[in-house]
């Protein structure tokens, strides 16, 4: 999801400005409809949706004009894959609150990756997290809500901050238990906030401590949910395109 798709129109499809093009992705259980942006008379741009499973879906390019029936201009197949980032996000989501698993992730900290690798990891895993179907009861602190903040333990927030994952930290902050995790001490007595300070992650520390802290700039290139329920609508600010997702 959230990759830019470019559509090249043939000469006969380059039509008047009042024609609106959109793409329809039809999967086995979910359907997405995305608006498009005209780059020039022969090219359109839109954003790929995040899909619910790995499969090949049918994509139809449709043209709409007021007073006329909708026309299917072209059809193609589109393959959604599950990559390592998605596997990592699924693993992390399932080990929220699992101390054995969270302690296991700490070995990643011993091999300090180059900044470029950390940035790549941050972007891919955070994006995968956004497209995961998290249960309604999912919580950053895990399923056992009887635990109090006074019990020392590792949290997903510790993991994200320790590695300097700015985007993933922002995502977790927006989830249930995200803010509560900021004051949880681990066995070394460190909170996510103190970890960010100790490691010199200034942007991360600012994100965790400022009430009016804004989302990372890089998130402006991603789709934002503007409605969710029986169907969801996302808006991509950069391209100004909308995406409707509903059950097929």
C-alpha atoms as a PDB file:
ATOM      1  CA  UNK A   1       0.000   0.000   0.000  1.00  0.00           C
ATOM      2  CA  UNK A   2       0.804   3.691  -0.451  1.00  0.00           C
ATOM      3  CA  UNK A   3       2.974   3.229  -3.527  1.00  0.00           C
ATOM      4  CA  UNK A   4       2.493   5.651  -6.413  1.00  0.00           C
ATOM      5  CA  UNK A   5       0.858   4.114  -9.492  1.00  0.00           C
ATOM      6  CA  UNK A   6       1.207   5.798 -12.886  1.00  0.00           C
ATOM      7  CA  UNK A   7      -1.319   5.098 -15.643  1.00  0.00           C
ATOM      8  CA  UNK A   8      -0.409   5.829 -19.273  1.00  0.00           C
ATOM      9  CA  UNK A   9      -3.403   6.557 -21.493  1.00  0.00           C
ATOM     10  CA  UNK A  10      -3.503   5.641 -25.180  1.00  0.00           C
ATOM     11  CA  UNK A  11      -4.159   8.322 -27.792  1.00  0.00           C
ATOM     12  CA  UNK A  12      -7.869   7.429 -28.075  1.00  0.00           C
ATOM     13  CA  UNK A  13      -8.294   7.677 -24.289  1.00  0.00           C
ATOM     14  CA  UNK A  14      -6.963  11.235 -24.065  1.00  0.00           C
ATOM     15  CA  UNK A  15     -10.331  12.909 -23.712  1.00  0.00           C
ATOM     16  CA  UNK A  16     -11.939  16.101 -22.474  1.00  0.00           C
ATOM     17  CA  UNK A  17     -11.249  17.549 -19.045  1.00  0.00           C
ATOM     18  CA  UNK A  18     -14.727  16.696 -17.738  1.00  0.00           C
ATOM     19  CA  UNK A  19     -13.953  12.957 -17.817  1.00  0.00           C
ATOM     20  CA  UNK A  20     -12.970  11.550 -14.406  1.00  0.00           C
ATOM     21  CA  UNK A  21     -10.768   8.443 -14.237  1.00  0.00           C
ATOM     22  CA  UNK A  22     -10.561   6.082 -11.275  1.00  0.00           C
ATOM     23  CA  UNK A  23      -9.170   2.616 -10.522  1.00  0.00           C
ATOM     24  CA  UNK A  24     -11.136  -0.255  -8.999  1.00  0.00           C
ATOM     25  CA  UNK A  25      -9.152  -3.066  -7.293  1.00  0.00           C
ATOM     26  CA  UNK A  26     -11.299  -6.167  -6.742  1.00  0.00           C
ATOM     27  CA  UNK A  27      -9.952  -8.808  -4.367  1.00  0.00           C
ATOM     28  CA  UNK A  28     -11.551 -11.945  -2.957  1.00  0.00           C
ATOM     29  CA  UNK A  29     -13.160 -10.156   0.007  1.00  0.00           C
ATOM     30  CA  UNK A  30     -12.288  -6.457  -0.279  1.00  0.00           C
ATOM     31  CA  UNK A  31     -12.695  -3.862  -3.019  1.00  0.00           C
ATOM     32  CA  UNK A  32     -10.876  -0.542  -3.308  1.00  0.00           C
ATOM     33  CA  UNK A  33     -11.754   2.441  -5.475  1.00  0.00           C
ATOM     34  CA  UNK A  34      -9.175   5.212  -5.916  1.00  0.00           C
ATOM     35  CA  UNK A  35      -9.529   8.581  -7.579  1.00  0.00           C
ATOM     36  CA  UNK A  36      -6.713   9.761  -9.852  1.00  0.00           C
ATOM     37  CA  UNK A  37      -4.799  12.938 -10.549  1.00  0.00           C
ATOM     38  CA  UNK A  38      -4.051  14.052 -14.107  1.00  0.00           C
ATOM     39  CA  UNK A  39      -0.343  14.792 -14.585  1.00  0.00           C
ATOM     40  CA  UNK A  40      -0.779  15.660 -18.280  1.00  0.00           C
ATOM     41  CA  UNK A  41      -3.277  14.710 -21.018  1.00  0.00           C
ATOM     42  CA  UNK A  42      -1.753  11.232 -21.309  1.00  0.00           C
ATOM     43  CA  UNK A  43      -0.826  10.329 -17.720  1.00  0.00           C
ATOM     44  CA  UNK A  44      -2.639   9.732 -14.431  1.00  0.00           C
ATOM     45  CA  UNK A  45      -1.328   9.145 -10.916  1.00  0.00           C
ATOM     46  CA  UNK A  46      -2.877   7.475  -7.911  1.00  0.00           C
ATOM     47  CA  UNK A  47      -1.940   5.546  -4.759  1.00  0.00           C
ATOM     48  CA  UNK A  48      -2.065   1.776  -4.315  1.00  0.00           C
ATOM     49  CA  UNK A  49      -4.314   0.631  -1.463  1.00  0.00           C
ATOM     50  CA  UNK A  50      -3.170  -1.525   1.430  1.00  0.00           C
ATOM     51  CA  UNK A  51      -4.845  -4.901   0.875  1.00  0.00           C
ATOM     52  CA  UNK A  52      -6.059  -7.482   3.417  1.00  0.00           C
ATOM     53  CA  UNK A  53      -4.152 -10.499   2.054  1.00  0.00           C
ATOM     54  CA  UNK A  54      -1.560 -11.650  -0.470  1.00  0.00           C
ATOM     55  CA  UNK A  55      -3.308 -12.308  -3.755  1.00  0.00           C
ATOM     56  CA  UNK A  56      -3.633 -11.218  -7.356  1.00  0.00           C
ATOM     57  CA  UNK A  57      -6.520  -8.790  -7.792  1.00  0.00           C
ATOM     58  CA  UNK A  58      -8.229  -7.403 -10.888  1.00  0.00           C
ATOM     59  CA  UNK A  59      -7.760  -3.717 -11.551  1.00  0.00           C
ATOM     60  CA  UNK A  60     -10.123  -1.804 -13.819  1.00  0.00           C
ATOM     61  CA  UNK A  61      -9.470   1.699 -15.131  1.00  0.00           C
ATOM     62  CA  UNK A  62     -12.871   3.373 -15.307  1.00  0.00           C
ATOM     63  CA  UNK A  63     -13.952   6.637 -16.910  1.00  0.00           C
ATOM     64  CA  UNK A  64     -16.913   8.629 -15.661  1.00  0.00           C
ATOM     65  CA  UNK A  65     -18.649  11.582 -17.266  1.00  0.00           C
ATOM     66  CA  UNK A  66     -21.798  13.324 -16.097  1.00  0.00           C
ATOM     67  CA  UNK A  67     -24.843  12.089 -17.971  1.00  0.00           C
ATOM     68  CA  UNK A  68     -23.019   9.082 -19.428  1.00  0.00           C
ATOM     69  CA  UNK A  69     -22.641   5.451 -18.227  1.00  0.00           C
ATOM     70  CA  UNK A  70     -19.377   4.467 -16.540  1.00  0.00           C
ATOM     71  CA  UNK A  71     -16.921   3.061 -19.075  1.00  0.00           C
ATOM     72  CA  UNK A  72     -14.285   0.404 -18.305  1.00  0.00           C
ATOM     73  CA  UNK A  73     -11.291   1.646 -20.300  1.00  0.00           C
ATOM     74  CA  UNK A  74      -8.784  -1.123 -19.487  1.00  0.00           C
ATOM     75  CA  UNK A  75      -8.220  -4.057 -17.146  1.00  0.00           C
ATOM     76  CA  UNK A  76      -5.061  -5.510 -15.643  1.00  0.00           C
ATOM     77  CA  UNK A  77      -3.951  -7.700 -12.744  1.00  0.00           C
ATOM     78  CA  UNK A  78      -2.129  -6.419  -9.658  1.00  0.00           C
ATOM     79  CA  UNK A  79      -0.254  -8.637  -7.212  1.00  0.00           C
ATOM     80  CA  UNK A  80      -0.144  -7.911  -3.467  1.00  0.00           C
ATOM     81  CA  UNK A  81       2.783  -9.557  -1.663  1.00  0.00           C
ATOM     82  CA  UNK A  82       3.722 -10.048   1.968  1.00  0.00           C
ATOM     83  CA  UNK A  83       7.290  -8.885   2.544  1.00  0.00           C
ATOM     84  CA  UNK A  84       9.699  -9.011   5.476  1.00  0.00           C
ATOM     85  CA  UNK A  85       8.454  -5.684   6.829  1.00  0.00           C
ATOM     86  CA  UNK A  86       4.919  -7.023   7.040  1.00  0.00           C
ATOM     87  CA  UNK A  87       6.185 -10.190   8.774  1.00  0.00           C
ATOM     88  CA  UNK A  88       8.094  -8.011  11.254  1.00  0.00           C
ATOM     89  CA  UNK A  89       5.031  -5.849  11.958  1.00  0.00           C
ATOM     90  CA  UNK A  90       2.876  -8.935  12.520  1.00  0.00           C
ATOM     91  CA  UNK A  91       5.476 -10.375  14.902  1.00  0.00           C
ATOM     92  CA  UNK A  92       5.728  -7.128  16.874  1.00  0.00           C
ATOM     93  CA  UNK A  93       1.948  -6.704  17.040  1.00  0.00           C
ATOM     94  CA  UNK A  94       1.488 -10.210  18.441  1.00  0.00           C
ATOM     95  CA  UNK A  95       4.274  -9.828  21.040  1.00  0.00           C
ATOM     96  CA  UNK A  96       2.893  -6.676  22.673  1.00  0.00           C
ATOM     97  CA  UNK A  97       3.043  -7.539  26.363  1.00  0.00           C
ATOM     98  CA  UNK A  98       5.033 -10.750  25.759  1.00  0.00           C
ATOM     99  CA  UNK A  99       8.159 -10.178  27.853  1.00  0.00           C
ATOM    100  CA  UNK A 100      10.102 -13.117  26.437  1.00  0.00           C
ATOM    101  CA  UNK A 101       9.538 -11.951  22.863  1.00  0.00           C
ATOM    102  CA  UNK A 102      10.223  -8.284  23.654  1.00  0.00           C
ATOM    103  CA  UNK A 103      13.465  -9.137  25.438  1.00  0.00           C
ATOM    104  CA  UNK A 104      14.425 -11.221  22.408  1.00  0.00           C
ATOM    105  CA  UNK A 105      14.112  -8.120  20.164  1.00  0.00           C
ATOM    106  CA  UNK A 106      16.776  -6.338  22.222  1.00  0.00           C
ATOM    107  CA  UNK A 107      19.540  -8.230  20.449  1.00  0.00           C
ATOM    108  CA  UNK A 108      18.851  -5.969  17.436  1.00  0.00           C
ATOM    109  CA  UNK A 109      20.236  -3.109  19.474  1.00  0.00           C
ATOM    110  CA  UNK A 110      23.659  -4.718  19.751  1.00  0.00           C
ATOM    111  CA  UNK A 111      24.314  -4.487  16.026  1.00  0.00           C
ATOM    112  CA  UNK A 112      23.815  -0.779  15.474  1.00  0.00           C
ATOM    113  CA  UNK A 113      22.629  -0.473  11.878  1.00  0.00           C
ATOM    114  CA  UNK A 114      23.662   2.503   9.695  1.00  0.00           C
ATOM    115  CA  UNK A 115      21.259   5.456   9.832  1.00  0.00           C
ATOM    116  CA  UNK A 116      20.052   4.799   6.277  1.00  0.00           C
ATOM    117  CA  UNK A 117      19.129   1.201   7.183  1.00  0.00           C
ATOM    118  CA  UNK A 118      17.301   2.347  10.318  1.00  0.00           C
ATOM    119  CA  UNK A 119      15.340   4.908   8.286  1.00  0.00           C
ATOM    120  CA  UNK A 120      14.396   2.254   5.714  1.00  0.00           C
ATOM    121  CA  UNK A 121      13.352  -0.179   8.463  1.00  0.00           C
ATOM    122  CA  UNK A 122      11.344   2.542  10.198  1.00  0.00           C
ATOM    123  CA  UNK A 123       9.460   3.507   7.037  1.00  0.00           C
ATOM    124  CA  UNK A 124       8.659  -0.050   5.935  1.00  0.00           C
ATOM    125  CA  UNK A 125       7.659  -1.487   9.327  1.00  0.00           C
ATOM    126  CA  UNK A 126       5.566   1.563  10.259  1.00  0.00           C
ATOM    127  CA  UNK A 127       3.780   1.406   6.899  1.00  0.00           C
ATOM    128  CA  UNK A 128       3.136  -2.319   7.360  1.00  0.00           C
ATOM    129  CA  UNK A 129       1.743  -1.617  10.861  1.00  0.00           C
ATOM    130  CA  UNK A 130      -0.676   0.902   9.343  1.00  0.00           C
ATOM    131  CA  UNK A 131      -2.036  -1.780   7.023  1.00  0.00           C
ATOM    132  CA  UNK A 132      -2.330  -4.527   9.658  1.00  0.00           C
ATOM    133  CA  UNK A 133      -5.822  -5.443  10.782  1.00  0.00           C
ATOM    134  CA  UNK A 134      -5.298  -4.957  14.520  1.00  0.00           C
ATOM    135  CA  UNK A 135      -8.045  -6.380  16.780  1.00  0.00           C
ATOM    136  CA  UNK A 136     -10.297  -3.767  18.388  1.00  0.00           C
ATOM    137  CA  UNK A 137      -8.933  -4.744  21.826  1.00  0.00           C
ATOM    138  CA  UNK A 138      -5.269  -4.446  20.737  1.00  0.00           C
ATOM    139  CA  UNK A 139      -3.112  -2.386  23.085  1.00  0.00           C
ATOM    140  CA  UNK A 140       0.521  -1.241  22.961  1.00  0.00           C
ATOM    141  CA  UNK A 141       0.960  -2.574  26.518  1.00  0.00           C
ATOM    142  CA  UNK A 142      -0.481  -5.990  25.677  1.00  0.00           C
ATOM    143  CA  UNK A 143      -3.735  -7.738  26.479  1.00  0.00           C
ATOM    144  CA  UNK A 144      -3.288  -7.928  30.274  1.00  0.00           C
ATOM    145  CA  UNK A 145      -4.681  -4.585  31.408  1.00  0.00           C
ATOM    146  CA  UNK A 146      -4.463  -5.641  35.070  1.00  0.00           C
ATOM    147  CA  UNK A 147      -0.741  -4.801  35.009  1.00  0.00           C
ATOM    148  CA  UNK A 148      -0.028  -1.430  36.548  1.00  0.00           C
ATOM    149  CA  UNK A 149       2.494   1.091  35.308  1.00  0.00           C
ATOM    150  CA  UNK A 150       4.601   0.369  38.406  1.00  0.00           C
ATOM    151  CA  UNK A 151       5.572  -3.137  37.246  1.00  0.00           C
ATOM    152  CA  UNK A 152       8.936  -2.997  35.403  1.00  0.00           C
ATOM    153  CA  UNK A 153       8.632  -4.459  31.919  1.00  0.00           C
ATOM    154  CA  UNK A 154       9.624  -4.031  28.285  1.00  0.00           C
ATOM    155  CA  UNK A 155       7.061  -2.514  25.931  1.00  0.00           C
ATOM    156  CA  UNK A 156       6.773  -2.059  22.190  1.00  0.00           C
ATOM    157  CA  UNK A 157       7.475   1.631  22.828  1.00  0.00           C
ATOM    158  CA  UNK A 158      10.839   0.760  24.399  1.00  0.00           C
ATOM    159  CA  UNK A 159      11.633  -1.290  21.290  1.00  0.00           C
ATOM    160  CA  UNK A 160      10.754   1.513  18.856  1.00  0.00           C
ATOM    161  CA  UNK A 161      12.610   4.203  20.828  1.00  0.00           C
ATOM    162  CA  UNK A 162      15.698   2.064  21.463  1.00  0.00           C
ATOM    163  CA  UNK A 163      16.206   1.640  17.712  1.00  0.00           C
ATOM    164  CA  UNK A 164      15.326   5.284  16.969  1.00  0.00           C
ATOM    165  CA  UNK A 165      12.251   4.412  14.890  1.00  0.00           C
ATOM    166  CA  UNK A 166      10.534   7.800  14.662  1.00  0.00           C
ATOM    167  CA  UNK A 167       7.610   6.809  12.429  1.00  0.00           C
ATOM    168  CA  UNK A 168       6.838   3.608  14.340  1.00  0.00           C
ATOM    169  CA  UNK A 169       6.933   5.545  17.627  1.00  0.00           C
ATOM    170  CA  UNK A 170       4.443   8.058  16.218  1.00  0.00           C
ATOM    171  CA  UNK A 171       2.153   5.240  15.098  1.00  0.00           C
ATOM    172  CA  UNK A 172       2.276   3.557  18.522  1.00  0.00           C
ATOM    173  CA  UNK A 173       1.531   6.866  20.248  1.00  0.00           C
ATOM    174  CA  UNK A 174      -1.797   7.046  18.400  1.00  0.00           C
ATOM    175  CA  UNK A 175      -2.822   3.528  19.512  1.00  0.00           C
ATOM    176  CA  UNK A 176      -4.522   2.474  22.787  1.00  0.00           C
ATOM    177  CA  UNK A 177      -1.902   2.271  25.529  1.00  0.00           C
ATOM    178  CA  UNK A 178       0.602   4.323  23.526  1.00  0.00           C
ATOM    179  CA  UNK A 179       0.720   7.308  25.871  1.00  0.00           C
ATOM    180  CA  UNK A 180       0.575   5.051  28.923  1.00  0.00           C
ATOM    181  CA  UNK A 181       3.681   3.206  27.739  1.00  0.00           C
ATOM    182  CA  UNK A 182       5.765   6.390  28.014  1.00  0.00           C
ATOM    183  CA  UNK A 183       5.904   6.172  31.820  1.00  0.00           C
ATOM    184  CA  UNK A 184       6.568   2.405  32.059  1.00  0.00           C
ATOM    185  CA  UNK A 185      10.019   1.482  33.416  1.00  0.00           C
ATOM    186  CA  UNK A 186      11.856  -1.591  32.177  1.00  0.00           C
ATOM    187  CA  UNK A 187      14.088  -3.771  34.364  1.00  0.00           C
ATOM    188  CA  UNK A 188      16.938  -1.261  34.005  1.00  0.00           C
ATOM    189  CA  UNK A 189      14.658   1.538  35.201  1.00  0.00           C
ATOM    190  CA  UNK A 190      14.466   3.197  31.783  1.00  0.00           C
ATOM    191  CA  UNK A 191      11.281   4.643  30.296  1.00  0.00           C
ATOM    192  CA  UNK A 192      10.922   5.239  26.551  1.00  0.00           C
ATOM    193  CA  UNK A 193      11.358   8.965  27.261  1.00  0.00           C
ATOM    194  CA  UNK A 194      14.597   8.478  29.212  1.00  0.00           C
ATOM    195  CA  UNK A 195      15.901   6.099  26.523  1.00  0.00           C
ATOM    196  CA  UNK A 196      15.376   8.747  23.819  1.00  0.00           C
ATOM    197  CA  UNK A 197      17.222  11.318  25.947  1.00  0.00           C
ATOM    198  CA  UNK A 198      20.046   8.937  26.837  1.00  0.00           C
ATOM    199  CA  UNK A 199      20.647   8.040  23.189  1.00  0.00           C
ATOM    200  CA  UNK A 200      20.524  11.599  21.919  1.00  0.00           C
ATOM    201  CA  UNK A 201      17.434  11.111  19.751  1.00  0.00           C
ATOM    202  CA  UNK A 202      16.316  14.746  19.909  1.00  0.00           C
ATOM    203  CA  UNK A 203      13.425  14.513  17.428  1.00  0.00           C
ATOM    204  CA  UNK A 204      12.180  11.377  19.139  1.00  0.00           C
ATOM    205  CA  UNK A 205      12.416  12.951  22.591  1.00  0.00           C
ATOM    206  CA  UNK A 206      10.527  15.994  21.318  1.00  0.00           C
ATOM    207  CA  UNK A 207       7.836  13.742  19.853  1.00  0.00           C
ATOM    208  CA  UNK A 208       7.384  11.995  23.207  1.00  0.00           C
ATOM    209  CA  UNK A 209       7.412  15.045  25.477  1.00  0.00           C
ATOM    210  CA  UNK A 210       5.745  17.911  23.596  1.00  0.00           C
ATOM    211  CA  UNK A 211       1.960  17.978  23.852  1.00  0.00           C
ATOM    212  CA  UNK A 212       1.615  19.688  20.485  1.00  0.00           C
ATOM    213  CA  UNK A 213       4.312  17.618  18.770  1.00  0.00           C
ATOM    214  CA  UNK A 214       3.505  17.230  15.081  1.00  0.00           C
ATOM    215  CA  UNK A 215       3.694  14.017  13.108  1.00  0.00           C
ATOM    216  CA  UNK A 216       6.989  13.318  11.299  1.00  0.00           C
ATOM    217  CA  UNK A 217       7.241  15.135   7.943  1.00  0.00           C
ATOM    218  CA  UNK A 218       7.597  11.844   6.107  1.00  0.00           C
ATOM    219  CA  UNK A 219       4.043  10.878   7.100  1.00  0.00           C
ATOM    220  CA  UNK A 220       2.647  13.604   4.856  1.00  0.00           C
ATOM    221  CA  UNK A 221       3.478  11.280   1.945  1.00  0.00           C
ATOM    222  CA  UNK A 222       1.093   8.613   3.286  1.00  0.00           C
ATOM    223  CA  UNK A 223      -2.673   8.171   3.152  1.00  0.00           C
ATOM    224  CA  UNK A 224      -4.667   9.301   6.178  1.00  0.00           C
ATOM    225  CA  UNK A 225      -7.960   7.729   7.261  1.00  0.00           C
ATOM    226  CA  UNK A 226     -10.816  10.233   7.175  1.00  0.00           C
ATOM    227  CA  UNK A 227     -13.622   7.723   7.834  1.00  0.00           C
ATOM    228  CA  UNK A 228     -13.747   4.163   9.133  1.00  0.00           C
ATOM    229  CA  UNK A 229     -16.615   1.806   9.878  1.00  0.00           C
ATOM    230  CA  UNK A 230     -18.434  -0.502   7.481  1.00  0.00           C
ATOM    231  CA  UNK A 231     -16.241   1.104   4.851  1.00  0.00           C
ATOM    232  CA  UNK A 232     -13.147   3.289   5.074  1.00  0.00           C
ATOM    233  CA  UNK A 233     -12.025   6.372   3.198  1.00  0.00           C
ATOM    234  CA  UNK A 234      -8.417   7.516   3.059  1.00  0.00           C
ATOM    235  CA  UNK A 235      -7.025  10.773   1.717  1.00  0.00           C
ATOM    236  CA  UNK A 236      -3.517  11.126   0.309  1.00  0.00           C
ATOM    237  CA  UNK A 237      -2.577  14.769   0.863  1.00  0.00           C
ATOM    238  CA  UNK A 238       0.413  14.750  -1.461  1.00  0.00           C
ATOM    239  CA  UNK A 239      -1.499  13.693  -4.581  1.00  0.00           C
ATOM    240  CA  UNK A 240      -4.917  14.807  -3.278  1.00  0.00           C
ATOM    241  CA  UNK A 241      -6.515  11.478  -4.167  1.00  0.00           C
ATOM    242  CA  UNK A 242      -9.090   9.515  -2.190  1.00  0.00           C
ATOM    243  CA  UNK A 243      -9.446   5.791  -1.623  1.00  0.00           C
ATOM    244  CA  UNK A 244     -12.664   3.982  -0.720  1.00  0.00           C
ATOM    245  CA  UNK A 245     -12.332   0.455   0.724  1.00  0.00           C
ATOM    246  CA  UNK A 246     -15.329  -1.784   1.307  1.00  0.00           C
ATOM    247  CA  UNK A 247     -16.244  -5.466   1.385  1.00  0.00           C
ATOM    248  CA  UNK A 248     -16.449  -6.854  -2.130  1.00  0.00           C
END
